[in-house]
């Protein structure tokens, strides 16, 4: 499980809240992802994982360095199947 310092500000928090994702949800998924990858639309790092409430979230972020992350966006998706397709 990676350790990250997250850079939060009111704009980022407000954006995630519009998608129903809390600071805690985002940090939980990014710190313990089920899968990591790269966003097709932006090329930024991203990950998928389950929040403690059972929702499966897609999180996009920027890495400032090995330990510092700036959240970009996150939202709930259908759980990914074995071939990486939503099920």
PDB file of N, CA and C in Angstrom:
ATOM      1  N   UNK A   1       0.848  -1.171   0.000  1.00  0.00           N
ATOM      2  CA  UNK A   1       0.000   0.000   0.000  1.00  0.00           C
ATOM      3  C   UNK A   1       0.897   1.240   0.000  1.00  0.00           C
ATOM      4  N   UNK A   2       0.742   2.107  -1.025  1.00  0.00           N
ATOM      5  CA  UNK A   2       1.568   3.317  -1.080  1.00  0.00           C
ATOM      6  C   UNK A   2       1.141   4.339  -0.030  1.00  0.00           C
ATOM      7  N   UNK A   3       2.088   5.179   0.364  1.00  0.00           N
ATOM      8  CA  UNK A   3       1.770   6.286   1.263  1.00  0.00           C
ATOM      9  C   UNK A   3       1.892   7.572   0.474  1.00  0.00           C
ATOM     10  N   UNK A   4       0.867   8.421   0.565  1.00  0.00           N
ATOM     11  CA  UNK A   4       0.873   9.704  -0.126  1.00  0.00           C
ATOM     12  C   UNK A   4       0.480  10.823   0.817  1.00  0.00           C
ATOM     13  N   UNK A   5       1.070  11.993   0.569  1.00  0.00           N
ATOM     14  CA  UNK A   5       0.565  13.244   1.128  1.00  0.00           C
ATOM     15  C   UNK A   5      -0.338  13.827   0.056  1.00  0.00           C
ATOM     16  N   UNK A   6      -1.534  14.202   0.433  1.00  0.00           N
ATOM     17  CA  UNK A   6      -2.508  14.740  -0.517  1.00  0.00           C
ATOM     18  C   UNK A   6      -2.577  16.256  -0.381  1.00  0.00           C
ATOM     19  N   UNK A   7      -2.536  16.948  -1.507  1.00  0.00           N
ATOM     20  CA  UNK A   7      -2.649  18.400  -1.522  1.00  0.00           C
ATOM     21  C   UNK A   7      -4.112  18.762  -1.773  1.00  0.00           C
ATOM     22  N   UNK A   8      -4.789  19.249  -0.724  1.00  0.00           N
ATOM     23  CA  UNK A   8      -6.201  19.588  -0.811  1.00  0.00           C
ATOM     24  C   UNK A   8      -6.386  21.095  -0.774  1.00  0.00           C
ATOM     25  N   UNK A   9      -7.363  21.591  -1.548  1.00  0.00           N
ATOM     26  CA  UNK A   9      -7.817  22.974  -1.421  1.00  0.00           C
ATOM     27  C   UNK A   9      -9.332  22.973  -1.623  1.00  0.00           C
ATOM     28  N   UNK A  10      -9.959  24.107  -1.374  1.00  0.00           N
ATOM     29  CA  UNK A  10     -11.425  24.194  -1.418  1.00  0.00           C
ATOM     30  C   UNK A  10     -11.981  23.870  -2.806  1.00  0.00           C
ATOM     31  N   UNK A  11     -11.281  24.258  -3.847  1.00  0.00           N
ATOM     32  CA  UNK A  11     -11.753  23.993  -5.207  1.00  0.00           C
ATOM     33  C   UNK A  11     -11.790  22.494  -5.504  1.00  0.00           C
ATOM     34  N   UNK A  12     -10.727  21.802  -5.152  1.00  0.00           N
ATOM     35  CA  UNK A  12     -10.667  20.354  -5.386  1.00  0.00           C
ATOM     36  C   UNK A  12     -11.720  19.633  -4.554  1.00  0.00           C
ATOM     37  N   UNK A  13     -11.843  20.001  -3.288  1.00  0.00           N
ATOM     38  CA  UNK A  13     -12.837  19.371  -2.403  1.00  0.00           C
ATOM     39  C   UNK A  13     -14.239  19.596  -2.951  1.00  0.00           C
ATOM     40  N   UNK A  14     -14.535  20.821  -3.384  1.00  0.00           N
ATOM     41  CA  UNK A  14     -15.854  21.131  -3.954  1.00  0.00           C
ATOM     42  C   UNK A  14     -16.138  20.336  -5.211  1.00  0.00           C
ATOM     43  N   UNK A  15     -15.134  20.186  -6.063  1.00  0.00           N
ATOM     44  CA  UNK A  15     -15.313  19.411  -7.298  1.00  0.00           C
ATOM     45  C   UNK A  15     -15.650  17.962  -6.980  1.00  0.00           C
ATOM     46  N   UNK A  16     -14.902  17.346  -6.056  1.00  0.00           N
ATOM     47  CA  UNK A  16     -15.182  15.958  -5.703  1.00  0.00           C
ATOM     48  C   UNK A  16     -16.559  15.809  -5.071  1.00  0.00           C
ATOM     49  N   UNK A  17     -16.946  16.781  -4.226  1.00  0.00           N
ATOM     50  CA  UNK A  17     -18.262  16.719  -3.590  1.00  0.00           C
ATOM     51  C   UNK A  17     -19.382  16.752  -4.626  1.00  0.00           C
ATOM     52  N   UNK A  18     -19.164  17.452  -5.750  1.00  0.00           N
ATOM     53  CA  UNK A  18     -20.167  17.464  -6.829  1.00  0.00           C
ATOM     54  C   UNK A  18     -20.390  16.066  -7.392  1.00  0.00           C
ATOM     55  N   UNK A  19     -19.387  15.212  -7.272  1.00  0.00           N
ATOM     56  CA  UNK A  19     -19.478  13.828  -7.737  1.00  0.00           C
ATOM     57  C   UNK A  19     -19.799  12.855  -6.607  1.00  0.00           C
ATOM     58  N   UNK A  20     -20.077  13.397  -5.419  1.00  0.00           N
ATOM     59  CA  UNK A  20     -20.429  12.546  -4.286  1.00  0.00           C
ATOM     60  C   UNK A  20     -19.251  11.821  -3.662  1.00  0.00           C
ATOM     61  N   UNK A  21     -18.047  12.352  -3.858  1.00  0.00           N
ATOM     62  CA  UNK A  21     -16.834  11.717  -3.340  1.00  0.00           C
ATOM     63  C   UNK A  21     -16.231  12.619  -2.272  1.00  0.00           C
ATOM     64  N   UNK A  22     -15.943  12.054  -1.113  1.00  0.00           N
ATOM     65  CA  UNK A  22     -15.343  12.821  -0.020  1.00  0.00           C
ATOM     66  C   UNK A  22     -13.819  12.721  -0.070  1.00  0.00           C
ATOM     67  N   UNK A  23     -13.175  13.579   0.688  1.00  0.00           N
ATOM     68  CA  UNK A  23     -11.719  13.529   0.843  1.00  0.00           C
ATOM     69  C   UNK A  23     -11.311  12.134   1.314  1.00  0.00           C
ATOM     70  N   UNK A  24     -12.017  11.616   2.295  1.00  0.00           N
ATOM     71  CA  UNK A  24     -11.705  10.293   2.849  1.00  0.00           C
ATOM     72  C   UNK A  24     -11.854   9.195   1.799  1.00  0.00           C
ATOM     73  N   UNK A  25     -12.935   9.266   0.989  1.00  0.00           N
ATOM     74  CA  UNK A  25     -13.144   8.279  -0.075  1.00  0.00           C
ATOM     75  C   UNK A  25     -11.959   8.282  -1.043  1.00  0.00           C
ATOM     76  N   UNK A  26     -11.576   9.473  -1.487  1.00  0.00           N
ATOM     77  CA  UNK A  26     -10.492   9.603  -2.457  1.00  0.00           C
ATOM     78  C   UNK A  26      -9.187   9.053  -1.894  1.00  0.00           C
ATOM     79  N   UNK A  27      -8.839   9.474  -0.693  1.00  0.00           N
ATOM     80  CA  UNK A  27      -7.585   9.022  -0.087  1.00  0.00           C
ATOM     81  C   UNK A  27      -7.574   7.516   0.120  1.00  0.00           C
ATOM     82  N   UNK A  28      -8.709   6.971   0.504  1.00  0.00           N
ATOM     83  CA  UNK A  28      -8.804   5.527   0.737  1.00  0.00           C
ATOM     84  C   UNK A  28      -8.536   4.743  -0.548  1.00  0.00           C
ATOM     85  N   UNK A  29      -9.173   5.154  -1.645  1.00  0.00           N
ATOM     86  CA  UNK A  29      -9.022   4.423  -2.903  1.00  0.00           C
ATOM     87  C   UNK A  29      -7.612   4.593  -3.472  1.00  0.00           C
ATOM     88  N   UNK A  30      -7.083   5.807  -3.461  1.00  0.00           N
ATOM     89  CA  UNK A  30      -5.748   6.040  -4.017  1.00  0.00           C
ATOM     90  C   UNK A  30      -4.676   5.334  -3.177  1.00  0.00           C
ATOM     91  N   UNK A  31      -4.888   5.241  -1.893  1.00  0.00           N
ATOM     92  CA  UNK A  31      -3.907   4.585  -1.017  1.00  0.00           C
ATOM     93  C   UNK A  31      -3.975   3.067  -1.084  1.00  0.00           C
ATOM     94  N   UNK A  32      -5.114   2.513  -1.512  1.00  0.00           N
ATOM     95  CA  UNK A  32      -5.277   1.054  -1.617  1.00  0.00           C
ATOM     96  C   UNK A  32      -6.035   0.698  -2.892  1.00  0.00           C
ATOM     97  N   UNK A  33      -5.485   1.025  -4.052  1.00  0.00           N
ATOM     98  CA  UNK A  33      -6.217   0.774  -5.295  1.00  0.00           C
ATOM     99  C   UNK A  33      -6.282  -0.699  -5.653  1.00  0.00           C
ATOM    100  N   UNK A  34      -7.343  -1.075  -6.351  1.00  0.00           N
ATOM    101  CA  UNK A  34      -7.428  -2.431  -6.894  1.00  0.00           C
ATOM    102  C   UNK A  34      -6.702  -2.495  -8.231  1.00  0.00           C
ATOM    103  N   UNK A  35      -6.650  -1.363  -8.920  1.00  0.00           N
ATOM    104  CA  UNK A  35      -5.990  -1.297 -10.216  1.00  0.00           C
ATOM    105  C   UNK A  35      -5.486   0.123 -10.428  1.00  0.00           C
ATOM    106  N   UNK A  36      -4.339   0.249 -11.068  1.00  0.00           N
ATOM    107  CA  UNK A  36      -3.818   1.570 -11.400  1.00  0.00           C
ATOM    108  C   UNK A  36      -3.592   1.647 -12.902  1.00  0.00           C
ATOM    109  N   UNK A  37      -3.642   2.875 -13.426  1.00  0.00           N
ATOM    110  CA  UNK A  37      -3.468   3.042 -14.858  1.00  0.00           C
ATOM    111  C   UNK A  37      -3.210   4.491 -15.208  1.00  0.00           C
ATOM    112  N   UNK A  38      -3.582   4.830 -16.438  1.00  0.00           N
ATOM    113  CA  UNK A  38      -3.421   6.178 -16.953  1.00  0.00           C
ATOM    114  C   UNK A  38      -4.725   6.595 -17.602  1.00  0.00           C
ATOM    115  N   UNK A  39      -5.188   7.799 -17.291  1.00  0.00           N
ATOM    116  CA  UNK A  39      -6.429   8.308 -17.866  1.00  0.00           C
ATOM    117  C   UNK A  39      -6.304   8.397 -19.385  1.00  0.00           C
ATOM    118  N   UNK A  40      -7.275   7.850 -20.079  1.00  0.00           N
ATOM    119  CA  UNK A  40      -7.260   7.911 -21.547  1.00  0.00           C
ATOM    120  C   UNK A  40      -7.411   9.335 -22.062  1.00  0.00           C
ATOM    121  N   UNK A  41      -8.147  10.166 -21.332  1.00  0.00           N
ATOM    122  CA  UNK A  41      -8.420  11.518 -21.819  1.00  0.00           C
ATOM    123  C   UNK A  41      -7.326  12.523 -21.469  1.00  0.00           C
ATOM    124  N   UNK A  42      -6.622  12.325 -20.351  1.00  0.00           N
ATOM    125  CA  UNK A  42      -5.626  13.317 -19.926  1.00  0.00           C
ATOM    126  C   UNK A  42      -4.210  12.780 -19.813  1.00  0.00           C
ATOM    127  N   UNK A  43      -4.057  11.464 -19.769  1.00  0.00           N
ATOM    128  CA  UNK A  43      -2.740  10.871 -19.585  1.00  0.00           C
ATOM    129  C   UNK A  43      -2.248  10.921 -18.148  1.00  0.00           C
ATOM    130  N   UNK A  44      -3.087  11.412 -17.237  1.00  0.00           N
ATOM    131  CA  UNK A  44      -2.708  11.479 -15.826  1.00  0.00           C
ATOM    132  C   UNK A  44      -2.846  10.108 -15.172  1.00  0.00           C
ATOM    133  N   UNK A  45      -2.124   9.906 -14.059  1.00  0.00           N
ATOM    134  CA  UNK A  45      -2.290   8.654 -13.318  1.00  0.00           C
ATOM    135  C   UNK A  45      -3.724   8.538 -12.790  1.00  0.00           C
ATOM    136  N   UNK A  46      -4.216   7.324 -12.738  1.00  0.00           N
ATOM    137  CA  UNK A  46      -5.559   7.093 -12.212  1.00  0.00           C
ATOM    138  C   UNK A  46      -5.586   5.736 -11.532  1.00  0.00           C
ATOM    139  N   UNK A  47      -6.649   5.505 -10.799  1.00  0.00           N
ATOM    140  CA  UNK A  47      -6.812   4.205 -10.162  1.00  0.00           C
ATOM    141  C   UNK A  47      -8.285   3.939  -9.931  1.00  0.00           C
ATOM    142  N   UNK A  48      -8.577   2.658  -9.671  1.00  0.00           N
ATOM    143  CA  UNK A  48      -9.918   2.194  -9.383  1.00  0.00           C
ATOM    144  C   UNK A  48      -9.876   1.453  -8.068  1.00  0.00           C
ATOM    145  N   UNK A  49     -10.948   1.569  -7.319  1.00  0.00           N
ATOM    146  CA  UNK A  49     -11.001   0.816  -6.081  1.00  0.00           C
ATOM    147  C   UNK A  49     -12.308   1.018  -5.359  1.00  0.00           C
ATOM    148  N   UNK A  50     -12.490   0.233  -4.321  1.00  0.00           N
ATOM    149  CA  UNK A  50     -13.723   0.260  -3.546  1.00  0.00           C
ATOM    150  C   UNK A  50     -13.552   1.126  -2.308  1.00  0.00           C
ATOM    151  N   UNK A  51     -14.489   2.057  -2.127  1.00  0.00           N
ATOM    152  CA  UNK A  51     -14.521   2.880  -0.918  1.00  0.00           C
ATOM    153  C   UNK A  51     -15.139   2.060   0.213  1.00  0.00           C
ATOM    154  N   UNK A  52     -15.000   2.534   1.431  1.00  0.00           N
ATOM    155  CA  UNK A  52     -15.499   1.772   2.580  1.00  0.00           C
ATOM    156  C   UNK A  52     -17.008   1.578   2.561  1.00  0.00           C
ATOM    157  N   UNK A  53     -17.729   2.443   1.831  1.00  0.00           N
ATOM    158  CA  UNK A  53     -19.184   2.294   1.750  1.00  0.00           C
ATOM    159  C   UNK A  53     -19.617   1.349   0.631  1.00  0.00           C
ATOM    160  N   UNK A  54     -18.645   0.727  -0.058  1.00  0.00           N
ATOM    161  CA  UNK A  54     -18.955  -0.252  -1.086  1.00  0.00           C
ATOM    162  C   UNK A  54     -18.999   0.299  -2.503  1.00  0.00           C
ATOM    163  N   UNK A  55     -18.961   1.610  -2.670  1.00  0.00           N
ATOM    164  CA  UNK A  55     -18.972   2.184  -4.017  1.00  0.00           C
ATOM    165  C   UNK A  55     -17.615   1.953  -4.671  1.00  0.00           C
ATOM    166  N   UNK A  56     -17.628   1.699  -5.973  1.00  0.00           N
ATOM    167  CA  UNK A  56     -16.395   1.524  -6.742  1.00  0.00           C
ATOM    168  C   UNK A  56     -16.087   2.846  -7.412  1.00  0.00           C
ATOM    169  N   UNK A  57     -14.921   3.416  -7.110  1.00  0.00           N
ATOM    170  CA  UNK A  57     -14.578   4.759  -7.570  1.00  0.00           C
ATOM    171  C   UNK A  57     -13.428   4.744  -8.559  1.00  0.00           C
ATOM    172  N   UNK A  58     -13.493   5.682  -9.484  1.00  0.00           N
ATOM    173  CA  UNK A  58     -12.416   5.968 -10.423  1.00  0.00           C
ATOM    174  C   UNK A  58     -11.827   7.297  -9.987  1.00  0.00           C
ATOM    175  N   UNK A  59     -10.515   7.333  -9.710  1.00  0.00           N
ATOM    176  CA  UNK A  59      -9.842   8.535  -9.198  1.00  0.00           C
ATOM    177  C   UNK A  59      -8.699   8.924 -10.128  1.00  0.00           C
ATOM    178  N   UNK A  60      -8.637  10.218 -10.449  1.00  0.00           N
ATOM    179  CA  UNK A  60      -7.566  10.762 -11.276  1.00  0.00           C
ATOM    180  C   UNK A  60      -6.793  11.763 -10.436  1.00  0.00           C
ATOM    181  N   UNK A  61      -5.465  11.773 -10.603  1.00  0.00           N
ATOM    182  CA  UNK A  61      -4.642  12.655  -9.789  1.00  0.00           C
ATOM    183  C   UNK A  61      -3.376  13.028 -10.553  1.00  0.00           C
ATOM    184  N   UNK A  62      -2.634  13.966 -10.011  1.00  0.00           N
ATOM    185  CA  UNK A  62      -1.311  14.318 -10.515  1.00  0.00           C
ATOM    186  C   UNK A  62      -0.317  13.990  -9.421  1.00  0.00           C
ATOM    187  N   UNK A  63       0.834  13.467  -9.807  1.00  0.00           N
ATOM    188  CA  UNK A  63       1.893  13.196  -8.832  1.00  0.00           C
ATOM    189  C   UNK A  63       2.908  14.330  -8.911  1.00  0.00           C
ATOM    190  N   UNK A  64       3.121  15.004  -7.795  1.00  0.00           N
ATOM    191  CA  UNK A  64       4.128  16.056  -7.721  1.00  0.00           C
ATOM    192  C   UNK A  64       5.507  15.429  -7.552  1.00  0.00           C
ATOM    193  N   UNK A  65       5.564  14.402  -6.722  1.00  0.00           N
ATOM    194  CA  UNK A  65       6.772  13.609  -6.536  1.00  0.00           C
ATOM    195  C   UNK A  65       6.321  12.220  -6.088  1.00  0.00           C
ATOM    196  N   UNK A  66       7.231  11.402  -5.648  1.00  0.00           N
ATOM    197  CA  UNK A  66       6.868  10.023  -5.279  1.00  0.00           C
ATOM    198  C   UNK A  66       5.856   9.942  -4.143  1.00  0.00           C
ATOM    199  N   UNK A  67       5.781  10.990  -3.303  1.00  0.00           N
ATOM    200  CA  UNK A  67       4.917  10.932  -2.123  1.00  0.00           C
ATOM    201  C   UNK A  67       3.789  11.945  -2.111  1.00  0.00           C
ATOM    202  N   UNK A  68       3.733  12.863  -3.077  1.00  0.00           N
ATOM    203  CA  UNK A  68       2.736  13.936  -3.035  1.00  0.00           C
ATOM    204  C   UNK A  68       1.801  13.859  -4.230  1.00  0.00           C
ATOM    205  N   UNK A  69       0.499  13.892  -3.936  1.00  0.00           N
ATOM    206  CA  UNK A  69      -0.546  13.750  -4.947  1.00  0.00           C
ATOM    207  C   UNK A  69      -1.482  14.951  -4.888  1.00  0.00           C
ATOM    208  N   UNK A  70      -1.835  15.457  -6.070  1.00  0.00           N
ATOM    209  CA  UNK A  70      -2.891  16.474  -6.177  1.00  0.00           C
ATOM    210  C   UNK A  70      -4.103  15.787  -6.792  1.00  0.00           C
ATOM    211  N   UNK A  71      -5.209  15.657  -6.059  1.00  0.00           N
ATOM    212  CA  UNK A  71      -6.421  15.066  -6.623  1.00  0.00           C
ATOM    213  C   UNK A  71      -6.945  15.921  -7.773  1.00  0.00           C
ATOM    214  N   UNK A  72      -7.470  15.272  -8.809  1.00  0.00           N
ATOM    215  CA  UNK A  72      -8.039  15.986  -9.956  1.00  0.00           C
ATOM    216  C   UNK A  72      -9.540  15.757 -10.008  1.00  0.00           C
ATOM    217  N   UNK A  73      -9.963  14.503 -10.055  1.00  0.00           N
ATOM    218  CA  UNK A  73     -11.389  14.188 -10.087  1.00  0.00           C
ATOM    219  C   UNK A  73     -11.597  12.762  -9.613  1.00  0.00           C
ATOM    220  N   UNK A  74     -12.822  12.442  -9.300  1.00  0.00           N
ATOM    221  CA  UNK A  74     -13.199  11.081  -8.916  1.00  0.00           C
ATOM    222  C   UNK A  74     -14.703  10.953  -9.062  1.00  0.00           C
ATOM    223  N   UNK A  75     -15.143   9.756  -9.389  1.00  0.00           N
ATOM    224  CA  UNK A  75     -16.574   9.500  -9.497  1.00  0.00           C
ATOM    225  C   UNK A  75     -16.827   8.001  -9.416  1.00  0.00           C
ATOM    226  N   UNK A  76     -18.067   7.664  -9.126  1.00  0.00           N
ATOM    227  CA  UNK A  76     -18.451   6.261  -9.007  1.00  0.00           C
ATOM    228  C   UNK A  76     -18.618   5.647 -10.389  1.00  0.00           C
ATOM    229  N   UNK A  77     -18.146   4.403 -10.530  1.00  0.00           N
ATOM    230  CA  UNK A  77     -18.317   3.646 -11.767  1.00  0.00           C
ATOM    231  C   UNK A  77     -18.824   2.258 -11.409  1.00  0.00           C
ATOM    232  N   UNK A  78     -19.240   1.527 -12.439  1.00  0.00           N
ATOM    233  CA  UNK A  78     -19.571   0.122 -12.221  1.00  0.00           C
ATOM    234  C   UNK A  78     -18.278  -0.626 -11.992  1.00  0.00           C
ATOM    235  N   UNK A  79     -18.286  -1.620 -11.153  1.00  0.00           N
ATOM    236  CA  UNK A  79     -17.090  -2.408 -10.843  1.00  0.00           C
ATOM    237  C   UNK A  79     -16.528  -2.998 -12.131  1.00  0.00           C
ATOM    238  N   UNK A  80     -15.213  -2.977 -12.266  1.00  0.00           N
ATOM    239  CA  UNK A  80     -14.566  -3.505 -13.465  1.00  0.00           C
ATOM    240  C   UNK A  80     -14.450  -5.017 -13.371  1.00  0.00           C
ATOM    241  N   UNK A  81     -14.737  -5.681 -14.463  1.00  0.00           N
ATOM    242  CA  UNK A  81     -14.615  -7.132 -14.531  1.00  0.00           C
ATOM    243  C   UNK A  81     -13.176  -7.557 -14.786  1.00  0.00           C
ATOM    244  N   UNK A  82     -12.973  -8.832 -14.961  1.00  0.00           N
ATOM    245  CA  UNK A  82     -11.620  -9.363 -15.125  1.00  0.00           C
ATOM    246  C   UNK A  82     -10.929  -8.831 -16.370  1.00  0.00           C
ATOM    247  N   UNK A  83     -11.650  -8.561 -17.423  1.00  0.00           N
ATOM    248  CA  UNK A  83     -11.039  -8.044 -18.643  1.00  0.00           C
ATOM    249  C   UNK A  83     -10.989  -6.515 -18.645  1.00  0.00           C
ATOM    250  N   UNK A  84     -11.251  -5.878 -17.509  1.00  0.00           N
ATOM    251  CA  UNK A  84     -11.183  -4.426 -17.430  1.00  0.00           C
ATOM    252  C   UNK A  84     -12.420  -3.745 -17.960  1.00  0.00           C
ATOM    253  N   UNK A  85     -13.472  -4.508 -18.211  1.00  0.00           N
ATOM    254  CA  UNK A  85     -14.711  -3.924 -18.726  1.00  0.00           C
ATOM    255  C   UNK A  85     -15.685  -3.735 -17.575  1.00  0.00           C
ATOM    256  N   UNK A  86     -16.438  -2.618 -17.580  1.00  0.00           N
ATOM    257  CA  UNK A  86     -17.447  -2.452 -16.526  1.00  0.00           C
ATOM    258  C   UNK A  86     -18.432  -3.615 -16.560  1.00  0.00           C
ATOM    259  N   UNK A  87     -18.867  -4.045 -15.384  1.00  0.00           N
ATOM    260  CA  UNK A  87     -19.868  -5.125 -15.371  1.00  0.00           C
ATOM    261  C   UNK A  87     -21.130  -4.647 -14.711  1.00  0.00           C
TER     262      UNK A  87
END
